[in-house]
Amino acid sequence: MADGLAYTSLLLNGVANNLTVIYGDGHSVQVSGSVPDGTITLFEDGVIEGTGYQTVNKNLSVGYYNYTYTLVGSVNYSDVSETLFVNVTPATPQLTLLLNGTDGDRSMPQGNVTLECSSTSNIVNNLSLYIDGAPVYNSTSPLSYTSNMSIGVYQVTCEYPGDLNYTYRNVSHTLTLLDASVPQVSNLEITPIVNQTQNVSVNVTVTDDVAVDTVIASFNGTLGNITLSL
């Protein structure tokens, strides 16, 4: 009686070896050979997957899987059994973070800002949005959050906590909000009415949506520009 193992084989992605794949990539399981009689059965974790020579395409969740085929009942070939293992590991989820529609760092005038985060991966848990490390919003994908933010520089982060099939991942961009308002000047007062030999007092009110740093008075003639005390 001939050795049945010499005439049949179990292949994972075309190779007679154990296999590790990332979730989503899939794999093939093939029983091939030339034994003309007997019964060939393929098992996945002890459950019958099919009989006879065959190729099965699989796309499984993360886990460790056992594939075994058996050849029994051949008149001319010995009974055989062969086992190989497939290890499916978690994938990295796709994440996109948009700052007012920009996928990357953004500088813009202060005002309403829309922050969006989404994933094209088949994730099952919520996305979380952070500004400077503080949580501000939590939602399923796609996440959208709008806020009237103050002038400043912010680190915006979108985070996915992971699940059975996907790892933890985060993506961050820097948001810079600029002062776009023109300072308002009012109550300009110059006393007294001056000639060339008198001192002059200049009083003016300057307001802005941020702290006023410097006020400069511009004079015609030889005085030029003078920085006023705040």
C-alpha atoms as a PDB file:
ATOM      1  CA  MET A   1       0.000   0.000   0.000  1.00  0.00           C
ATOM      2  CA  ALA A   2       1.392   3.372  -1.005  1.00  0.00           C
ATOM      3  CA  ASP A   3       1.810   6.266   1.425  1.00  0.00           C
ATOM      4  CA  GLY A   4      -1.196   8.525   0.911  1.00  0.00           C
ATOM      5  CA  LEU A   5       0.706  11.525   2.322  1.00  0.00           C
ATOM      6  CA  ALA A   6       3.076  11.391  -0.645  1.00  0.00           C
ATOM      7  CA  TYR A   7       0.188  11.928  -3.067  1.00  0.00           C
ATOM      8  CA  THR A   8      -1.912  14.524  -1.246  1.00  0.00           C
ATOM      9  CA  SER A   9      -1.127  17.907   0.339  1.00  0.00           C
ATOM     10  CA  LEU A  10      -2.667  20.730   2.351  1.00  0.00           C
ATOM     11  CA  LEU A  11      -1.739  24.244   1.222  1.00  0.00           C
ATOM     12  CA  LEU A  12      -2.359  27.666   2.784  1.00  0.00           C
ATOM     13  CA  ASN A  13      -2.058  30.464   0.208  1.00  0.00           C
ATOM     14  CA  GLY A  14      -0.374  27.926  -2.039  1.00  0.00           C
ATOM     15  CA  VAL A  15       2.312  26.910   0.482  1.00  0.00           C
ATOM     16  CA  ALA A  16       2.482  23.814   2.710  1.00  0.00           C
ATOM     17  CA  ASN A  17       3.276  25.848   5.847  1.00  0.00           C
ATOM     18  CA  ASN A  18       1.503  27.522   8.729  1.00  0.00           C
ATOM     19  CA  LEU A  19       0.346  31.030   7.838  1.00  0.00           C
ATOM     20  CA  THR A  20      -0.009  34.427   9.527  1.00  0.00           C
ATOM     21  CA  VAL A  21      -2.215  37.035   7.823  1.00  0.00           C
ATOM     22  CA  ILE A  22      -3.579  40.456   8.749  1.00  0.00           C
ATOM     23  CA  TYR A  23      -7.329  40.793   9.187  1.00  0.00           C
ATOM     24  CA  GLY A  24      -8.964  41.723   5.897  1.00  0.00           C
ATOM     25  CA  ASP A  25      -6.313  40.141   3.677  1.00  0.00           C
ATOM     26  CA  GLY A  26      -8.017  36.736   3.549  1.00  0.00           C
ATOM     27  CA  HIS A  27      -6.400  33.400   2.715  1.00  0.00           C
ATOM     28  CA  SER A  28      -6.974  30.256   0.684  1.00  0.00           C
ATOM     29  CA  VAL A  29      -7.069  26.657   1.885  1.00  0.00           C
ATOM     30  CA  GLN A  30      -6.374  23.996  -0.728  1.00  0.00           C
ATOM     31  CA  VAL A  31      -6.394  20.200  -0.634  1.00  0.00           C
ATOM     32  CA  SER A  32      -4.637  18.851  -3.713  1.00  0.00           C
ATOM     33  CA  GLY A  33      -3.454  15.446  -4.850  1.00  0.00           C
ATOM     34  CA  SER A  34      -3.883  12.512  -7.188  1.00  0.00           C
ATOM     35  CA  VAL A  35      -5.324   9.685  -5.086  1.00  0.00           C
ATOM     36  CA  PRO A  36      -8.139   8.204  -7.212  1.00  0.00           C
ATOM     37  CA  ASP A  37     -10.169   6.615  -4.399  1.00  0.00           C
ATOM     38  CA  GLY A  38     -10.959   7.046  -0.719  1.00  0.00           C
ATOM     39  CA  THR A  39     -12.681   9.948   0.994  1.00  0.00           C
ATOM     40  CA  ILE A  40     -10.993  13.284   1.510  1.00  0.00           C
ATOM     41  CA  THR A  41     -12.483  15.634   4.090  1.00  0.00           C
ATOM     42  CA  LEU A  42     -11.359  19.133   5.055  1.00  0.00           C
ATOM     43  CA  PHE A  43     -12.048  20.465   8.570  1.00  0.00           C
ATOM     44  CA  GLU A  44     -11.843  23.991  10.011  1.00  0.00           C
ATOM     45  CA  ASP A  45     -11.509  23.881  13.791  1.00  0.00           C
ATOM     46  CA  GLY A  46     -13.062  20.424  13.778  1.00  0.00           C
ATOM     47  CA  VAL A  47     -16.056  21.395  11.615  1.00  0.00           C
ATOM     48  CA  ILE A  48     -16.363  19.897   8.124  1.00  0.00           C
ATOM     49  CA  GLU A  49     -15.551  22.519   5.496  1.00  0.00           C
ATOM     50  CA  GLY A  50     -15.957  20.228   2.459  1.00  0.00           C
ATOM     51  CA  THR A  51     -15.015  16.939   0.852  1.00  0.00           C
ATOM     52  CA  GLY A  52     -12.793  16.014  -2.078  1.00  0.00           C
ATOM     53  CA  TYR A  53      -9.983  18.010  -3.629  1.00  0.00           C
ATOM     54  CA  GLN A  54     -10.895  21.671  -3.234  1.00  0.00           C
ATOM     55  CA  THR A  55      -9.816  25.267  -2.760  1.00  0.00           C
ATOM     56  CA  VAL A  56     -11.654  27.393  -0.191  1.00  0.00           C
ATOM     57  CA  ASN A  57     -11.222  31.158   0.150  1.00  0.00           C
ATOM     58  CA  LYS A  58     -11.616  32.513   3.677  1.00  0.00           C
ATOM     59  CA  ASN A  59     -11.769  35.963   5.288  1.00  0.00           C
ATOM     60  CA  LEU A  60     -11.937  35.403   9.025  1.00  0.00           C
ATOM     61  CA  SER A  61     -11.923  37.502  12.163  1.00  0.00           C
ATOM     62  CA  VAL A  62      -8.826  37.713  14.312  1.00  0.00           C
ATOM     63  CA  GLY A  63      -8.023  34.335  15.815  1.00  0.00           C
ATOM     64  CA  TYR A  64      -6.025  31.092  15.544  1.00  0.00           C
ATOM     65  CA  TYR A  65      -7.522  28.526  13.163  1.00  0.00           C
ATOM     66  CA  ASN A  66      -6.841  24.833  12.644  1.00  0.00           C
ATOM     67  CA  TYR A  67      -7.184  23.245   9.181  1.00  0.00           C
ATOM     68  CA  THR A  68      -7.013  19.473   8.884  1.00  0.00           C
ATOM     69  CA  TYR A  69      -7.661  17.151   5.976  1.00  0.00           C
ATOM     70  CA  THR A  70      -8.082  13.381   6.166  1.00  0.00           C
ATOM     71  CA  LEU A  71      -7.841  10.666   3.525  1.00  0.00           C
ATOM     72  CA  VAL A  72      -9.584   7.417   4.553  1.00  0.00           C
ATOM     73  CA  GLY A  73     -10.890   4.270   2.877  1.00  0.00           C
ATOM     74  CA  SER A  74      -8.500   4.087  -0.084  1.00  0.00           C
ATOM     75  CA  VAL A  75      -7.794   0.583  -1.352  1.00  0.00           C
ATOM     76  CA  ASN A  76      -4.283   1.386  -2.568  1.00  0.00           C
ATOM     77  CA  TYR A  77      -3.177   4.260  -0.272  1.00  0.00           C
ATOM     78  CA  SER A  78      -2.734   4.488   3.475  1.00  0.00           C
ATOM     79  CA  ASP A  79      -5.044   6.694   5.529  1.00  0.00           C
ATOM     80  CA  VAL A  80      -3.491  10.093   6.196  1.00  0.00           C
ATOM     81  CA  SER A  81      -4.202  13.260   8.145  1.00  0.00           C
ATOM     82  CA  GLU A  82      -2.415  16.594   7.915  1.00  0.00           C
ATOM     83  CA  THR A  83      -2.897  19.818   9.899  1.00  0.00           C
ATOM     84  CA  LEU A  84      -1.814  23.419   9.378  1.00  0.00           C
ATOM     85  CA  PHE A  85      -2.627  26.591  11.315  1.00  0.00           C
ATOM     86  CA  VAL A  86      -3.651  30.124  10.305  1.00  0.00           C
ATOM     87  CA  ASN A  87      -3.062  33.055  12.663  1.00  0.00           C
ATOM     88  CA  VAL A  88      -5.189  36.113  11.789  1.00  0.00           C
ATOM     89  CA  THR A  89      -3.802  39.260  13.450  1.00  0.00           C
ATOM     90  CA  PRO A  90      -5.477  42.686  13.938  1.00  0.00           C
ATOM     91  CA  ALA A  91      -5.246  45.298  11.184  1.00  0.00           C
ATOM     92  CA  THR A  92      -4.496  49.005  11.596  1.00  0.00           C
ATOM     93  CA  PRO A  93      -7.698  51.015  11.004  1.00  0.00           C
ATOM     94  CA  GLN A  94      -7.796  53.802   8.420  1.00  0.00           C
ATOM     95  CA  LEU A  95      -8.440  57.212  10.025  1.00  0.00           C
ATOM     96  CA  THR A  96      -8.897  60.655   8.454  1.00  0.00           C
ATOM     97  CA  LEU A  97      -8.957  63.888  10.486  1.00  0.00           C
ATOM     98  CA  LEU A  98     -10.103  67.094   8.756  1.00  0.00           C
ATOM     99  CA  LEU A  99      -9.696  70.639  10.120  1.00  0.00           C
ATOM    100  CA  ASN A 100     -12.301  72.706   8.245  1.00  0.00           C
ATOM    101  CA  GLY A 101     -11.898  70.302   5.335  1.00  0.00           C
ATOM    102  CA  THR A 102      -8.079  70.126   5.430  1.00  0.00           C
ATOM    103  CA  ASP A 103      -6.382  66.768   6.014  1.00  0.00           C
ATOM    104  CA  GLY A 104      -3.339  68.183   7.805  1.00  0.00           C
ATOM    105  CA  ASP A 105      -2.154  71.140   9.881  1.00  0.00           C
ATOM    106  CA  ARG A 106      -4.147  74.318   9.250  1.00  0.00           C
ATOM    107  CA  SER A 107      -3.792  78.053   9.970  1.00  0.00           C
ATOM    108  CA  MET A 108      -6.925  80.180   9.630  1.00  0.00           C
ATOM    109  CA  PRO A 109      -8.783  83.207  11.075  1.00  0.00           C
ATOM    110  CA  GLN A 110     -10.463  82.734  14.432  1.00  0.00           C
ATOM    111  CA  GLY A 111     -14.120  81.717  14.267  1.00  0.00           C
ATOM    112  CA  ASN A 112     -16.239  78.617  13.797  1.00  0.00           C
ATOM    113  CA  VAL A 113     -14.155  75.498  13.151  1.00  0.00           C
ATOM    114  CA  THR A 114     -15.525  72.141  12.001  1.00  0.00           C
ATOM    115  CA  LEU A 115     -13.490  69.103  13.008  1.00  0.00           C
ATOM    116  CA  GLU A 116     -14.288  65.820  11.257  1.00  0.00           C
ATOM    117  CA  CYS A 117     -12.967  62.315  11.782  1.00  0.00           C
ATOM    118  CA  SER A 118     -13.919  59.206   9.845  1.00  0.00           C
ATOM    119  CA  SER A 119     -12.764  55.699   8.990  1.00  0.00           C
ATOM    120  CA  THR A 120     -13.307  53.590   5.896  1.00  0.00           C
ATOM    121  CA  SER A 121     -12.445  50.472   7.926  1.00  0.00           C
ATOM    122  CA  ASN A 122     -15.182  48.238   9.288  1.00  0.00           C
ATOM    123  CA  ILE A 123     -14.739  49.485  12.854  1.00  0.00           C
ATOM    124  CA  VAL A 124     -17.354  48.791  15.533  1.00  0.00           C
ATOM    125  CA  ASN A 125     -16.488  51.206  18.370  1.00  0.00           C
ATOM    126  CA  ASN A 126     -16.843  54.992  18.613  1.00  0.00           C
ATOM    127  CA  LEU A 127     -14.266  57.578  17.595  1.00  0.00           C
ATOM    128  CA  SER A 128     -13.115  60.129  20.193  1.00  0.00           C
ATOM    129  CA  LEU A 129     -12.037  63.722  19.528  1.00  0.00           C
ATOM    130  CA  TYR A 130      -9.526  65.550  21.745  1.00  0.00           C
ATOM    131  CA  ILE A 131      -8.320  69.168  21.792  1.00  0.00           C
ATOM    132  CA  ASP A 132      -5.020  69.652  23.617  1.00  0.00           C
ATOM    133  CA  GLY A 133      -5.513  66.266  25.277  1.00  0.00           C
ATOM    134  CA  ALA A 134      -8.987  66.998  26.649  1.00  0.00           C
ATOM    135  CA  PRO A 135     -11.942  64.936  25.330  1.00  0.00           C
ATOM    136  CA  VAL A 136     -14.562  67.063  23.558  1.00  0.00           C
ATOM    137  CA  TYR A 137     -16.693  64.638  21.526  1.00  0.00           C
ATOM    138  CA  ASN A 138     -17.396  60.938  21.014  1.00  0.00           C
ATOM    139  CA  SER A 139     -19.347  59.465  18.111  1.00  0.00           C
ATOM    140  CA  THR A 140     -19.647  56.703  15.572  1.00  0.00           C
ATOM    141  CA  SER A 141     -17.884  57.286  12.251  1.00  0.00           C
ATOM    142  CA  PRO A 142     -18.170  59.816  10.671  1.00  0.00           C
ATOM    143  CA  LEU A 143     -17.684  62.193  13.597  1.00  0.00           C
ATOM    144  CA  SER A 144     -18.328  65.935  13.131  1.00  0.00           C
ATOM    145  CA  TYR A 145     -17.841  68.666  15.749  1.00  0.00           C
ATOM    146  CA  THR A 146     -18.197  72.442  15.276  1.00  0.00           C
ATOM    147  CA  SER A 147     -17.079  75.067  17.779  1.00  0.00           C
ATOM    148  CA  ASN A 148     -16.323  78.795  17.885  1.00  0.00           C
ATOM    149  CA  MET A 149     -12.760  78.558  19.174  1.00  0.00           C
ATOM    150  CA  SER A 150     -10.594  81.347  20.569  1.00  0.00           C
ATOM    151  CA  ILE A 151      -7.354  82.612  19.047  1.00  0.00           C
ATOM    152  CA  GLY A 152      -4.492  80.216  19.754  1.00  0.00           C
ATOM    153  CA  VAL A 153      -2.650  77.074  18.716  1.00  0.00           C
ATOM    154  CA  TYR A 154      -4.356  73.734  19.332  1.00  0.00           C
ATOM    155  CA  GLN A 155      -3.426  70.071  18.998  1.00  0.00           C
ATOM    156  CA  VAL A 156      -6.445  68.214  17.605  1.00  0.00           C
ATOM    157  CA  THR A 157      -6.477  64.416  17.893  1.00  0.00           C
ATOM    158  CA  CYS A 158      -8.876  61.724  16.696  1.00  0.00           C
ATOM    159  CA  GLU A 159      -8.590  58.365  18.445  1.00  0.00           C
ATOM    160  CA  TYR A 160      -9.922  54.858  17.847  1.00  0.00           C
ATOM    161  CA  PRO A 161      -9.668  52.538  20.893  1.00  0.00           C
ATOM    162  CA  GLY A 162      -9.450  49.319  18.874  1.00  0.00           C
ATOM    163  CA  ASP A 163     -11.591  46.198  18.766  1.00  0.00           C
ATOM    164  CA  LEU A 164     -11.225  42.490  18.009  1.00  0.00           C
ATOM    165  CA  ASN A 165     -10.098  43.052  14.423  1.00  0.00           C
ATOM    166  CA  TYR A 166      -8.462  46.504  14.580  1.00  0.00           C
ATOM    167  CA  THR A 167      -5.669  47.944  16.709  1.00  0.00           C
ATOM    168  CA  TYR A 168      -5.676  51.227  18.619  1.00  0.00           C
ATOM    169  CA  ARG A 169      -4.805  54.227  16.439  1.00  0.00           C
ATOM    170  CA  ASN A 170      -4.805  58.011  16.618  1.00  0.00           C
ATOM    171  CA  VAL A 171      -4.080  60.845  14.203  1.00  0.00           C
ATOM    172  CA  SER A 172      -3.256  64.465  15.135  1.00  0.00           C
ATOM    173  CA  HIS A 173      -3.030  67.838  13.378  1.00  0.00           C
ATOM    174  CA  THR A 174      -2.136  71.343  14.594  1.00  0.00           C
ATOM    175  CA  LEU A 175      -4.782  74.059  14.315  1.00  0.00           C
ATOM    176  CA  THR A 176      -3.658  77.710  14.468  1.00  0.00           C
ATOM    177  CA  LEU A 177      -6.382  80.345  14.841  1.00  0.00           C
ATOM    178  CA  LEU A 178      -5.304  83.894  14.032  1.00  0.00           C
ATOM    179  CA  ASP A 179      -6.551  87.322  15.058  1.00  0.00           C
ATOM    180  CA  ALA A 180      -8.397  88.604  12.002  1.00  0.00           C
ATOM    181  CA  SER A 181     -10.129  91.609  13.636  1.00  0.00           C
ATOM    182  CA  VAL A 182      -8.935  95.179  13.061  1.00  0.00           C
ATOM    183  CA  PRO A 183      -8.368  97.092  16.339  1.00  0.00           C
ATOM    184  CA  GLN A 184     -10.952  99.799  16.992  1.00  0.00           C
ATOM    185  CA  VAL A 185      -9.620 103.324  17.725  1.00  0.00           C
ATOM    186  CA  SER A 186     -11.860 105.856  19.474  1.00  0.00           C
ATOM    187  CA  ASN A 187     -11.838 108.819  21.843  1.00  0.00           C
ATOM    188  CA  LEU A 188      -8.737 110.378  20.325  1.00  0.00           C
ATOM    189  CA  GLU A 189      -7.903 113.504  22.344  1.00  0.00           C
ATOM    190  CA  ILE A 190      -4.938 115.847  22.020  1.00  0.00           C
ATOM    191  CA  THR A 191      -4.534 118.527  24.673  1.00  0.00           C
ATOM    192  CA  PRO A 192      -3.798 121.367  24.670  1.00  0.00           C
ATOM    193  CA  ILE A 193      -3.962 122.853  21.196  1.00  0.00           C
ATOM    194  CA  VAL A 194      -0.252 123.072  20.648  1.00  0.00           C
ATOM    195  CA  ASN A 195       2.401 125.231  19.139  1.00  0.00           C
ATOM    196  CA  GLN A 196       6.039 124.335  18.657  1.00  0.00           C
ATOM    197  CA  THR A 197       7.077 125.062  22.252  1.00  0.00           C
ATOM    198  CA  GLN A 198       4.364 123.223  24.178  1.00  0.00           C
ATOM    199  CA  ASN A 199       4.159 119.641  25.473  1.00  0.00           C
ATOM    200  CA  VAL A 200       1.194 117.654  24.233  1.00  0.00           C
ATOM    201  CA  SER A 201      -0.927 114.961  25.863  1.00  0.00           C
ATOM    202  CA  VAL A 202      -2.333 112.284  23.562  1.00  0.00           C
ATOM    203  CA  ASN A 203      -5.143 110.040  24.885  1.00  0.00           C
ATOM    204  CA  VAL A 204      -6.796 107.354  22.765  1.00  0.00           C
ATOM    205  CA  THR A 205      -8.920 104.259  23.336  1.00  0.00           C
ATOM    206  CA  VAL A 206      -7.898 101.132  21.417  1.00  0.00           C
ATOM    207  CA  THR A 207      -9.891  97.895  21.705  1.00  0.00           C
ATOM    208  CA  ASP A 208      -9.418  94.494  20.115  1.00  0.00           C
ATOM    209  CA  ASP A 209     -10.646  90.944  20.690  1.00  0.00           C
ATOM    210  CA  VAL A 210      -7.238  90.158  22.187  1.00  0.00           C
ATOM    211  CA  ALA A 211      -5.007  92.117  24.551  1.00  0.00           C
ATOM    212  CA  VAL A 212      -3.570  95.279  22.993  1.00  0.00           C
ATOM    213  CA  ASP A 213       0.219  95.074  23.003  1.00  0.00           C
ATOM    214  CA  THR A 214       1.429  98.348  21.439  1.00  0.00           C
ATOM    215  CA  VAL A 215      -0.127 101.657  20.350  1.00  0.00           C
ATOM    216  CA  ILE A 216       1.898 104.005  18.132  1.00  0.00           C
ATOM    217  CA  ALA A 217       0.956 107.650  17.432  1.00  0.00           C
ATOM    218  CA  SER A 218       2.151 109.056  14.122  1.00  0.00           C
ATOM    219  CA  PHE A 219       2.864 112.813  13.876  1.00  0.00           C
ATOM    220  CA  ASN A 220       3.554 115.012  10.909  1.00  0.00           C
ATOM    221  CA  GLY A 221       6.854 116.835  11.059  1.00  0.00           C
ATOM    222  CA  THR A 222      10.008 115.950  12.929  1.00  0.00           C
ATOM    223  CA  LEU A 223       8.441 113.900  15.765  1.00  0.00           C
ATOM    224  CA  GLY A 224       7.607 110.940  13.511  1.00  0.00           C
ATOM    225  CA  ASN A 225       6.167 107.887  15.329  1.00  0.00           C
ATOM    226  CA  ILE A 226       5.946 107.711  19.124  1.00  0.00           C
ATOM    227  CA  THR A 227       4.963 104.610  21.121  1.00  0.00           C
ATOM    228  CA  LEU A 228       2.299 105.457  23.684  1.00  0.00           C
ATOM    229  CA  SER A 229       2.172 104.066  27.193  1.00  0.00           C
ATOM    230  CA  LEU A 230      -0.669 101.618  27.816  1.00  0.00           C
END
